[in-house]
PDB file of N, CA and C in Angstrom:
ATOM      1  N   MET A   1     138.884  94.351 138.558  1.00  0.00           N
ATOM      2  CA  MET A   1     138.051  93.277 139.033  1.00  0.00           C
ATOM      3  C   MET A   1     138.034  92.180 137.975  1.00  0.00           C
ATOM      4  N   SER A   2     138.395  90.977 138.370  1.00  0.00           N
ATOM      5  CA  SER A   2     138.461  89.888 137.407  1.00  0.00           C
ATOM      6  C   SER A   2     137.100  89.229 137.247  1.00  0.00           C
ATOM      7  N   LYS A   3     136.843  88.812 136.035  1.00  0.00           N
ATOM      8  CA  LYS A   3     135.565  88.167 135.729  1.00  0.00           C
ATOM      9  C   LYS A   3     135.685  86.681 136.013  1.00  0.00           C
ATOM     10  N   ARG A   4     134.684  86.127 136.679  1.00  0.00           N
ATOM     11  CA  ARG A   4     134.684  84.699 136.959  1.00  0.00           C
ATOM     12  C   ARG A   4     134.400  83.925 135.681  1.00  0.00           C
ATOM     13  N   PRO A   5     134.967  82.737 135.597  1.00  0.00           N
ATOM     14  CA  PRO A   5     134.656  81.933 134.409  1.00  0.00           C
ATOM     15  C   PRO A   5     133.178  81.548 134.403  1.00  0.00           C
ATOM     16  N   GLY A   6     132.631  81.429 133.224  1.00  0.00           N
ATOM     17  CA  GLY A   6     131.216  81.111 133.096  1.00  0.00           C
ATOM     18  C   GLY A   6     130.899  79.690 133.537  1.00  0.00           C
ATOM     19  N   TYR A   7     129.647  79.446 133.757  1.00  0.00           N
ATOM     20  CA  TYR A   7     129.176  78.126 134.149  1.00  0.00           C
ATOM     21  C   TYR A   7     128.854  77.321 132.888  1.00  0.00           C
ATOM     22  N   SER A   8     129.101  76.043 132.947  1.00  0.00           N
ATOM     23  CA  SER A   8     128.827  75.193 131.793  1.00  0.00           C
ATOM     24  C   SER A   8     127.322  75.076 131.585  1.00  0.00           C
ATOM     25  N   PRO A   9     126.898  74.780 130.364  1.00  0.00           N
ATOM     26  CA  PRO A   9     125.469  74.614 130.095  1.00  0.00           C
ATOM     27  C   PRO A   9     124.837  73.514 130.950  1.00  0.00           C
ATOM     28  N   GLU A  10     125.613  72.481 131.262  1.00  0.00           N
ATOM     29  CA  GLU A  10     125.083  71.394 132.086  1.00  0.00           C
ATOM     30  C   GLU A  10     124.756  71.886 133.492  1.00  0.00           C
ATOM     31  N   VAL A  11     125.642  72.708 134.049  1.00  0.00           N
ATOM     32  CA  VAL A  11     125.412  73.256 135.395  1.00  0.00           C
ATOM     33  C   VAL A  11     124.194  74.163 135.383  1.00  0.00           C
ATOM     34  N   ARG A  12     124.079  74.977 134.348  1.00  0.00           N
ATOM     35  CA  ARG A  12     122.926  75.875 134.239  1.00  0.00           C
ATOM     36  C   ARG A  12     121.619  75.087 134.168  1.00  0.00           C
ATOM     37  N   GLU A  13     121.589  74.081 133.293  1.00  0.00           N
ATOM     38  CA  GLU A  13     120.368  73.278 133.137  1.00  0.00           C
ATOM     39  C   GLU A  13     120.008  72.567 134.442  1.00  0.00           C
ATOM     40  N   ARG A  14     121.009  72.023 135.107  1.00  0.00           N
ATOM     41  CA  ARG A  14     120.748  71.308 136.359  1.00  0.00           C
ATOM     42  C   ARG A  14     120.222  72.262 137.430  1.00  0.00           C
ATOM     43  N   ALA A  15     120.816  73.450 137.526  1.00  0.00           N
ATOM     44  CA  ALA A  15     120.380  74.425 138.523  1.00  0.00           C
ATOM     45  C   ALA A  15     118.940  74.869 138.251  1.00  0.00           C
ATOM     46  N   VAL A  16     118.615  75.122 136.990  1.00  0.00           N
ATOM     47  CA  VAL A  16     117.251  75.539 136.641  1.00  0.00           C
ATOM     48  C   VAL A  16     116.272  74.410 136.949  1.00  0.00           C
ATOM     49  N   ARG A  17     116.658  73.194 136.603  1.00  0.00           N
ATOM     50  CA  ARG A  17     115.794  72.042 136.885  1.00  0.00           C
ATOM     51  C   ARG A  17     115.576  71.885 138.395  1.00  0.00           C
ATOM     52  N   MET A  18     116.640  72.114 139.186  1.00  0.00           N
ATOM     53  CA  MET A  18     116.511  72.022 140.649  1.00  0.00           C
ATOM     54  C   MET A  18     115.536  73.072 141.179  1.00  0.00           C
ATOM     55  N   VAL A  19     115.593  74.284 140.610  1.00  0.00           N
ATOM     56  CA  VAL A  19     114.673  75.347 141.047  1.00  0.00           C
ATOM     57  C   VAL A  19     113.240  74.979 140.688  1.00  0.00           C
ATOM     58  N   LEU A  20     113.024  74.566 139.442  1.00  0.00           N
ATOM     59  CA  LEU A  20     111.662  74.294 138.983  1.00  0.00           C
ATOM     60  C   LEU A  20     111.046  73.077 139.675  1.00  0.00           C
ATOM     61  N   THR A  21     111.854  72.064 139.949  1.00  0.00           N
ATOM     62  CA  THR A  21     111.295  70.869 140.610  1.00  0.00           C
ATOM     63  C   THR A  21     111.197  71.044 142.120  1.00  0.00           C
ATOM     64  N   GLY A  22     112.065  71.842 142.702  1.00  0.00           N
ATOM     65  CA  GLY A  22     112.041  72.014 144.151  1.00  0.00           C
ATOM     66  C   GLY A  22     111.306  73.248 144.620  1.00  0.00           C
ATOM     67  N   GLU A  23     110.639  73.902 143.705  1.00  0.00           N
ATOM     68  CA  GLU A  23     109.936  75.152 144.036  1.00  0.00           C
ATOM     69  C   GLU A  23     108.828  74.927 145.063  1.00  0.00           C
ATOM     70  N   HIS A  24     108.161  73.809 144.995  1.00  0.00           N
ATOM     71  CA  HIS A  24     107.034  73.535 145.907  1.00  0.00           C
ATOM     72  C   HIS A  24     107.503  73.293 147.339  1.00  0.00           C
ATOM     73  N   GLU A  25     108.788  73.013 147.543  1.00  0.00           N
ATOM     74  CA  GLU A  25     109.324  72.779 148.878  1.00  0.00           C
ATOM     75  C   GLU A  25     109.665  74.065 149.616  1.00  0.00           C
ATOM     76  N   HIS A  26     109.587  75.191 148.934  1.00  0.00           N
ATOM     77  CA  HIS A  26     109.926  76.491 149.520  1.00  0.00           C
ATOM     78  C   HIS A  26     108.699  77.391 149.534  1.00  0.00           C
ATOM     79  N   LYS A  27     108.809  78.486 150.302  1.00  0.00           N
ATOM     80  CA  LYS A  27     107.673  79.411 150.397  1.00  0.00           C
ATOM     81  C   LYS A  27     107.407  80.144 149.084  1.00  0.00           C
ATOM     82  N   SER A  28     108.480  80.404 148.351  1.00  0.00           N
ATOM     83  CA  SER A  28     108.336  81.143 147.103  1.00  0.00           C
ATOM     84  C   SER A  28     109.415  80.689 146.123  1.00  0.00           C
ATOM     85  N   ARG A  29     109.283  81.148 144.898  1.00  0.00           N
ATOM     86  CA  ARG A  29     110.301  80.821 143.893  1.00  0.00           C
ATOM     87  C   ARG A  29     111.627  81.455 144.284  1.00  0.00           C
ATOM     88  N   TRP A  30     111.583  82.652 144.813  1.00  0.00           N
ATOM     89  CA  TRP A  30     112.818  83.345 145.194  1.00  0.00           C
ATOM     90  C   TRP A  30     113.561  82.552 146.279  1.00  0.00           C
ATOM     91  N   ALA A  31     112.832  81.996 147.224  1.00  0.00           N
ATOM     92  CA  ALA A  31     113.461  81.186 148.269  1.00  0.00           C
ATOM     93  C   ALA A  31     114.114  79.945 147.654  1.00  0.00           C
ATOM     94  N   ALA A  32     113.470  79.331 146.679  1.00  0.00           N
ATOM     95  CA  ALA A  32     114.046  78.177 145.992  1.00  0.00           C
ATOM     96  C   ALA A  32     115.300  78.583 145.228  1.00  0.00           C
ATOM     97  N   ILE A  33     115.252  79.728 144.578  1.00  0.00           N
ATOM     98  CA  ILE A  33     116.400  80.225 143.820  1.00  0.00           C
ATOM     99  C   ILE A  33     117.577  80.488 144.753  1.00  0.00           C
ATOM    100  N   GLN A  34     117.315  81.121 145.888  1.00  0.00           N
ATOM    101  CA  GLN A  34     118.384  81.399 146.842  1.00  0.00           C
ATOM    102  C   GLN A  34     119.009  80.111 147.363  1.00  0.00           C
ATOM    103  N   SER A  35     118.188  79.125 147.632  1.00  0.00           N
ATOM    104  CA  SER A  35     118.676  77.850 148.144  1.00  0.00           C
ATOM    105  C   SER A  35     119.567  77.154 147.126  1.00  0.00           C
ATOM    106  N   VAL A  36     119.113  77.060 145.889  1.00  0.00           N
ATOM    107  CA  VAL A  36     119.885  76.384 144.843  1.00  0.00           C
ATOM    108  C   VAL A  36     121.141  77.179 144.503  1.00  0.00           C
ATOM    109  N   ALA A  37     121.038  78.499 144.456  1.00  0.00           N
ATOM    110  CA  ALA A  37     122.195  79.338 144.128  1.00  0.00           C
ATOM    111  C   ALA A  37     123.314  79.134 145.151  1.00  0.00           C
ATOM    112  N   ALA A  38     122.955  79.017 146.408  1.00  0.00           N
ATOM    113  CA  ALA A  38     123.962  78.780 147.446  1.00  0.00           C
ATOM    114  C   ALA A  38     124.645  77.428 147.239  1.00  0.00           C
ATOM    115  N   LYS A  39     123.907  76.454 146.756  1.00  0.00           N
ATOM    116  CA  LYS A  39     124.464  75.110 146.556  1.00  0.00           C
ATOM    117  C   LYS A  39     125.430  75.044 145.373  1.00  0.00           C
ATOM    118  N   ILE A  40     125.132  75.792 144.294  1.00  0.00           N
ATOM    119  CA  ILE A  40     126.000  75.702 143.112  1.00  0.00           C
ATOM    120  C   ILE A  40     127.050  76.805 143.070  1.00  0.00           C
ATOM    121  N   GLY A  41     126.935  77.809 143.933  1.00  0.00           N
ATOM    122  CA  GLY A  41     127.968  78.838 144.011  1.00  0.00           C
ATOM    123  C   GLY A  41     127.800  80.002 143.066  1.00  0.00           C
ATOM    124  N   CYS A  42     126.571  80.309 142.690  1.00  0.00           N
ATOM    125  CA  CYS A  42     126.345  81.498 141.867  1.00  0.00           C
ATOM    126  C   CYS A  42     125.440  82.446 142.661  1.00  0.00           C
ATOM    127  N   THR A  43     125.251  83.643 142.122  1.00  0.00           N
ATOM    128  CA  THR A  43     124.371  84.584 142.811  1.00  0.00           C
ATOM    129  C   THR A  43     122.920  84.244 142.493  1.00  0.00           C
ATOM    130  N   PRO A  44     122.021  84.543 143.409  1.00  0.00           N
ATOM    131  CA  PRO A  44     120.604  84.271 143.136  1.00  0.00           C
ATOM    132  C   PRO A  44     120.087  85.001 141.902  1.00  0.00           C
ATOM    133  N   GLU A  45     120.564  86.197 141.667  1.00  0.00           N
ATOM    134  CA  GLU A  45     120.103  86.969 140.501  1.00  0.00           C
ATOM    135  C   GLU A  45     120.518  86.277 139.201  1.00  0.00           C
ATOM    136  N   THR A  46     121.705  85.719 139.174  1.00  0.00           N
ATOM    137  CA  THR A  46     122.163  84.980 137.994  1.00  0.00           C
ATOM    138  C   THR A  46     121.256  83.789 137.730  1.00  0.00           C
ATOM    139  N   LEU A  47     120.974  83.045 138.777  1.00  0.00           N
ATOM    140  CA  LEU A  47     120.111  81.872 138.634  1.00  0.00           C
ATOM    141  C   LEU A  47     118.696  82.279 138.228  1.00  0.00           C
ATOM    142  N   ARG A  48     118.201  83.385 138.776  1.00  0.00           N
ATOM    143  CA  ARG A  48     116.867  83.870 138.406  1.00  0.00           C
ATOM    144  C   ARG A  48     116.809  84.190 136.917  1.00  0.00           C
ATOM    145  N   SER A  49     117.878  84.804 136.390  1.00  0.00           N
ATOM    146  CA  SER A  49     117.894  85.132 134.957  1.00  0.00           C
ATOM    147  C   SER A  49     117.939  83.857 134.112  1.00  0.00           C
ATOM    148  N   TRP A  50     118.649  82.819 134.577  1.00  0.00           N
ATOM    149  CA  TRP A  50     118.662  81.548 133.845  1.00  0.00           C
ATOM    150  C   TRP A  50     117.271  80.932 133.801  1.00  0.00           C
ATOM    151  N   VAL A  51     116.572  80.967 134.940  1.00  0.00           N
ATOM    152  CA  VAL A  51     115.222  80.397 135.012  1.00  0.00           C
ATOM    153  C   VAL A  51     114.290  81.159 134.068  1.00  0.00           C
ATOM    154  N   ASN A  52     114.373  82.492 134.101  1.00  0.00           N
ATOM    155  CA  ASN A  52     113.523  83.301 133.227  1.00  0.00           C
ATOM    156  C   ASN A  52     113.804  83.014 131.752  1.00  0.00           C
ATOM    157  N   LYS A  53     115.089  82.876 131.393  1.00  0.00           N
ATOM    158  CA  LYS A  53     115.449  82.610 130.004  1.00  0.00           C
ATOM    159  C   LYS A  53     114.900  81.263 129.548  1.00  0.00           C
ATOM    160  N   ILE A  54     115.008  80.248 130.395  1.00  0.00           N
ATOM    161  CA  ILE A  54     114.481  78.926 130.055  1.00  0.00           C
ATOM    162  C   ILE A  54     112.966  78.989 129.871  1.00  0.00           C
ATOM    163  N   GLU A  55     112.277  79.733 130.741  1.00  0.00           N
ATOM    164  CA  GLU A  55     110.822  79.853 130.621  1.00  0.00           C
ATOM    165  C   GLU A  55     110.424  80.573 129.344  1.00  0.00           C
ATOM    166  N   VAL A  56     111.164  81.598 128.963  1.00  0.00           N
ATOM    167  CA  VAL A  56     110.864  82.318 127.721  1.00  0.00           C
ATOM    168  C   VAL A  56     111.112  81.407 126.524  1.00  0.00           C
ATOM    169  N   ASP A  57     112.241  80.699 126.544  1.00  0.00           N
ATOM    170  CA  ASP A  57     112.577  79.815 125.421  1.00  0.00           C
ATOM    171  C   ASP A  57     111.574  78.674 125.272  1.00  0.00           C
ATOM    172  N   SER A  58     111.001  78.213 126.389  1.00  0.00           N
ATOM    173  CA  SER A  58     110.038  77.111 126.316  1.00  0.00           C
ATOM    174  C   SER A  58     108.618  77.597 126.010  1.00  0.00           C
ATOM    175  N   GLY A  59     108.402  78.917 126.065  1.00  0.00           N
ATOM    176  CA  GLY A  59     107.086  79.466 125.764  1.00  0.00           C
ATOM    177  C   GLY A  59     106.205  79.636 126.986  1.00  0.00           C
ATOM    178  N   ALA A  60     106.719  79.324 128.165  1.00  0.00           N
ATOM    179  CA  ALA A  60     105.935  79.459 129.395  1.00  0.00           C
ATOM    180  C   ALA A  60     105.804  80.915 129.828  1.00  0.00           C
ATOM    181  N   ARG A  61     106.679  81.772 129.327  1.00  0.00           N
ATOM    182  CA  ARG A  61     106.678  83.188 129.688  1.00  0.00           C
ATOM    183  C   ARG A  61     106.851  83.997 128.406  1.00  0.00           C
ATOM    184  N   PRO A  62     106.135  85.107 128.275  1.00  0.00           N
ATOM    185  CA  PRO A  62     106.297  85.913 127.056  1.00  0.00           C
ATOM    186  C   PRO A  62     107.661  86.606 127.045  1.00  0.00           C
ATOM    187  N   GLY A  63     108.166  86.814 125.849  1.00  0.00           N
ATOM    188  CA  GLY A  63     109.445  87.500 125.701  1.00  0.00           C
ATOM    189  C   GLY A  63     110.142  87.062 124.427  1.00  0.00           C
ATOM    190  N   VAL A  64     111.334  87.607 124.225  1.00  0.00           N
ATOM    191  CA  VAL A  64     112.128  87.302 123.040  1.00  0.00           C
ATOM    192  C   VAL A  64     112.989  86.084 123.357  1.00  0.00           C
ATOM    193  N   THR A  65     112.836  85.042 122.562  1.00  0.00           N
ATOM    194  CA  THR A  65     113.602  83.818 122.793  1.00  0.00           C
ATOM    195  C   THR A  65     115.066  84.030 122.421  1.00  0.00           C
ATOM    196  N   THR A  66     115.902  83.118 122.853  1.00  0.00           N
ATOM    197  CA  THR A  66     117.329  83.197 122.569  1.00  0.00           C
ATOM    198  C   THR A  66     117.586  83.141 121.069  1.00  0.00           C
ATOM    199  N   ASP A  67     116.856  82.275 120.353  1.00  0.00           N
ATOM    200  CA  ASP A  67     117.025  82.171 118.903  1.00  0.00           C
ATOM    201  C   ASP A  67     116.627  83.468 118.210  1.00  0.00           C
ATOM    202  N   GLN A  68     115.510  84.059 118.645  1.00  0.00           N
ATOM    203  CA  GLN A  68     115.067  85.314 118.043  1.00  0.00           C
ATOM    204  C   GLN A  68     116.064  86.433 118.319  1.00  0.00           C
ATOM    205  N   ALA A  69     116.608  86.473 119.519  1.00  0.00           N
ATOM    206  CA  ALA A  69     117.585  87.505 119.863  1.00  0.00           C
ATOM    207  C   ALA A  69     118.851  87.353 119.020  1.00  0.00           C
ATOM    208  N   ALA A  70     119.294  86.116 118.814  1.00  0.00           N
ATOM    209  CA  ALA A  70     120.484  85.876 117.990  1.00  0.00           C
ATOM    210  C   ALA A  70     120.226  86.286 116.546  1.00  0.00           C
ATOM    211  N   ARG A  71     119.052  85.966 116.030  1.00  0.00           N
ATOM    212  CA  ARG A  71     118.700  86.331 114.653  1.00  0.00           C
ATOM    213  C   ARG A  71     118.620  87.851 114.500  1.00  0.00           C
ATOM    214  N   LEU A  72     118.022  88.518 115.476  1.00  0.00           N
ATOM    215  CA  LEU A  72     117.932  89.974 115.445  1.00  0.00           C
ATOM    216  C   LEU A  72     119.317  90.601 115.472  1.00  0.00           C
ATOM    217  N   LYS A  73     120.202  90.069 116.292  1.00  0.00           N
ATOM    218  CA  LYS A  73     121.565  90.585 116.372  1.00  0.00           C
ATOM    219  C   LYS A  73     122.285  90.415 115.037  1.00  0.00           C
ATOM    220  N   GLN A  74     122.090  89.264 114.387  1.00  0.00           N
ATOM    221  CA  GLN A  74     122.697  89.001 113.085  1.00  0.00           C
ATOM    222  C   GLN A  74     122.165  89.984 112.036  1.00  0.00           C
ATOM    223  N   LEU A  75     120.851  90.203 112.032  1.00  0.00           N
ATOM    224  CA  LEU A  75     120.259  91.125 111.059  1.00  0.00           C
ATOM    225  C   LEU A  75     120.728  92.561 111.292  1.00  0.00           C
ATOM    226  N   GLU A  76     120.862  92.956 112.550  1.00  0.00           N
ATOM    227  CA  GLU A  76     121.347  94.307 112.844  1.00  0.00           C
ATOM    228  C   GLU A  76     122.791  94.468 112.374  1.00  0.00           C
ATOM    229  N   ARG A  77     123.604  93.431 112.542  1.00  0.00           N
ATOM    230  CA  ARG A  77     124.991  93.468 112.076  1.00  0.00           C
ATOM    231  C   ARG A  77     125.031  93.612 110.555  1.00  0.00           C
ATOM    232  N   GLU A  78     124.218  92.812 109.864  1.00  0.00           N
ATOM    233  CA  GLU A  78     124.159  92.898 108.402  1.00  0.00           C
ATOM    234  C   GLU A  78     123.688  94.276 107.954  1.00  0.00           C
ATOM    235  N   ASN A  79     122.708  94.827 108.667  1.00  0.00           N
ATOM    236  CA  ASN A  79     122.192  96.151 108.333  1.00  0.00           C
ATOM    237  C   ASN A  79     123.290  97.212 108.474  1.00  0.00           C
ATOM    238  N   ARG A  80     124.079  97.139 109.554  1.00  0.00           N
ATOM    239  CA  ARG A  80     125.179  98.095 109.741  1.00  0.00           C
ATOM    240  C   ARG A  80     126.194  97.982 108.606  1.00  0.00           C
ATOM    241  N   GLU A  81     126.525  96.748 108.221  1.00  0.00           N
ATOM    242  CA  GLU A  81     127.485  96.541 107.132  1.00  0.00           C
ATOM    243  C   GLU A  81     126.957  97.106 105.819  1.00  0.00           C
ATOM    244  N   LEU A  82     125.687  96.880 105.532  1.00  0.00           N
ATOM    245  CA  LEU A  82     125.099  97.396 104.293  1.00  0.00           C
ATOM    246  C   LEU A  82     125.040  98.923 104.298  1.00  0.00           C
ATOM    247  N   MET A  83     124.718  99.510 105.436  1.00  0.00           N
ATOM    248  CA  MET A  83     124.681 100.974 105.527  1.00  0.00           C
ATOM    249  C   MET A  83     126.078 101.547 105.320  1.00  0.00           C
ATOM    250  N   ARG A  84     127.095 100.882 105.878  1.00  0.00           N
ATOM    251  CA  ARG A  84     128.478 101.329 105.701  1.00  0.00           C
ATOM    252  C   ARG A  84     128.877 101.224 104.229  1.00  0.00           C
ATOM    253  N   ALA A  85     128.510 100.121 103.584  1.00  0.00           N
ATOM    254  CA  ALA A  85     128.829  99.945 102.161  1.00  0.00           C
ATOM    255  C   ALA A  85     128.121 100.997 101.313  1.00  0.00           C
ATOM    256  N   ASN A  86     126.864 101.289 101.620  1.00  0.00           N
ATOM    257  CA  ASN A  86     126.125 102.320 100.880  1.00  0.00           C
ATOM    258  C   ASN A  86     126.782 103.681 101.034  1.00  0.00           C
ATOM    259  N   GLU A  87     127.253 103.981 102.236  1.00  0.00           N
ATOM    260  CA  GLU A  87     127.909 105.271 102.469  1.00  0.00           C
ATOM    261  C   GLU A  87     129.197 105.364 101.652  1.00  0.00           C
ATOM    262  N   ILE A  88     129.959 104.284 101.602  1.00  0.00           N
ATOM    263  CA  ILE A  88     131.190 104.265 100.807  1.00  0.00           C
ATOM    264  C   ILE A  88     130.861 104.460  99.332  1.00  0.00           C
ATOM    265  N   LEU A  89     129.845 103.766  98.840  1.00  0.00           N
ATOM    266  CA  LEU A  89     129.457 103.908  97.424  1.00  0.00           C
ATOM    267  C   LEU A  89     128.955 105.318  97.119  1.00  0.00           C
ATOM    268  N   ARG A  90     128.207 105.897  98.046  1.00  0.00           N
ATOM    269  CA  ARG A  90     127.702 107.256  97.856  1.00  0.00           C
ATOM    270  C   ARG A  90     128.870 108.244  97.755  1.00  0.00           C
ATOM    271  N   LYS A  91     129.865 108.103  98.621  1.00  0.00           N
ATOM    272  CA  LYS A  91     131.014 109.010  98.593  1.00  0.00           C
ATOM    273  C   LYS A  91     131.845 108.795  97.336  1.00  0.00           C
ATOM    274  N   ALA A  92     131.991 107.539  96.922  1.00  0.00           N
ATOM    275  CA  ALA A  92     132.749 107.252  95.703  1.00  0.00           C
ATOM    276  C   ALA A  92     132.052 107.845  94.483  1.00  0.00           C
ATOM    277  N   ALA A  93     130.739 107.712  94.435  1.00  0.00           N
ATOM    278  CA  ALA A  93     129.984 108.265  93.313  1.00  0.00           C
ATOM    279  C   ALA A  93     130.123 109.786  93.278  1.00  0.00           C
ATOM    280  N   ALA A  94     130.065 110.429  94.431  1.00  0.00           N
ATOM    281  CA  ALA A  94     130.219 111.884  94.486  1.00  0.00           C
ATOM    282  C   ALA A  94     131.627 112.289  94.062  1.00  0.00           C
ATOM    283  N   PHE A  95     132.622 111.534  94.476  1.00  0.00           N
ATOM    284  CA  PHE A  95     134.003 111.829  94.104  1.00  0.00           C
ATOM    285  C   PHE A  95     134.201 111.736  92.589  1.00  0.00           C
ATOM    286  N   PHE A  96     133.718 110.647  92.000  1.00  0.00           N
ATOM    287  CA  PHE A  96     133.890 110.468  90.558  1.00  0.00           C
ATOM    288  C   PHE A  96     133.037 111.459  89.766  1.00  0.00           C
ATOM    289  N   ALA A  97     131.889 111.824  90.265  1.00  0.00           N
ATOM    290  CA  ALA A  97     131.064 112.826  89.587  1.00  0.00           C
ATOM    291  C   ALA A  97     131.770 114.174  89.592  1.00  0.00           C
ATOM    292  N   GLN A  98     132.394 114.508  90.719  1.00  0.00           N
ATOM    293  CA  GLN A  98     133.137 115.776  90.805  1.00  0.00           C
ATOM    294  C   GLN A  98     134.340 115.734  89.875  1.00  0.00           C
ATOM    295  N   ALA A  99     135.012 114.595  89.799  1.00  0.00           N
ATOM    296  CA  ALA A  99     136.164 114.463  88.917  1.00  0.00           C
ATOM    297  C   ALA A  99     135.745 114.610  87.464  1.00  0.00           C
ATOM    298  N   GLU A 100     134.581 114.104  87.125  1.00  0.00           N
ATOM    299  CA  GLU A 100     134.070 114.233  85.753  1.00  0.00           C
ATOM    300  C   GLU A 100     133.767 115.693  85.420  1.00  0.00           C
ATOM    301  N   LEU A 101     133.240 116.434  86.411  1.00  0.00           N
ATOM    302  CA  LEU A 101     132.946 117.858  86.182  1.00  0.00           C
ATOM    303  C   LEU A 101     134.226 118.679  86.060  1.00  0.00           C
ATOM    304  N   ASP A 102     135.277 118.282  86.762  1.00  0.00           N
ATOM    305  CA  ASP A 102     136.538 119.025  86.734  1.00  0.00           C
ATOM    306  C   ASP A 102     137.361 118.733  85.489  1.00  0.00           C
ATOM    307  N   ARG A 103     137.021 117.684  84.776  1.00  0.00           N
ATOM    308  CA  ARG A 103     137.785 117.293  83.602  1.00  0.00           C
ATOM    309  C   ARG A 103     137.532 118.296  82.459  1.00  0.00           C
ATOM    310  N   LYS A 104     138.573 118.595  81.714  1.00  0.00           N
ATOM    311  CA  LYS A 104     138.443 119.537  80.597  1.00  0.00           C
ATOM    312  C   LYS A 104     137.746 118.864  79.431  1.00  0.00           C
ATOM    313  N   PRO A 105     136.823 119.565  78.801  1.00  0.00           N
ATOM    314  CA  PRO A 105     136.143 118.973  77.633  1.00  0.00           C
ATOM    315  C   PRO A 105     137.107 118.861  76.462  1.00  0.00           C
ATOM    316  N   LYS A 106     136.883 117.906  75.559  1.00  0.00           N
ATOM    317  CA  LYS A 106     137.763 117.702  74.387  1.00  0.00           C
ATOM    318  C   LYS A 106     137.357 118.571  73.245  1.00  0.00           C
TER     319      LYS A 106
END
């Protein structure tokens, strides 16, 4: 199954703006999302996630913002690298300590 190319940020922003401004013309937010999604050619669930992300980033809805998620991902990556480096140093120290014990005294 081939993956469709992503939507540009401009298309995403316009679609979210259309949902938020045209919400009062529909019975519910979901109806507005379905209407706009059909017009731009994406699935309603995709558009719903874009709307939710924009609301979280603007502070209108509680959750982890995009910036916070990116920072957390960066810190987790750094943590994995440091743990890997510590493991390498621990093994090297054990190796050299064993080599020192195996060495004949003078």
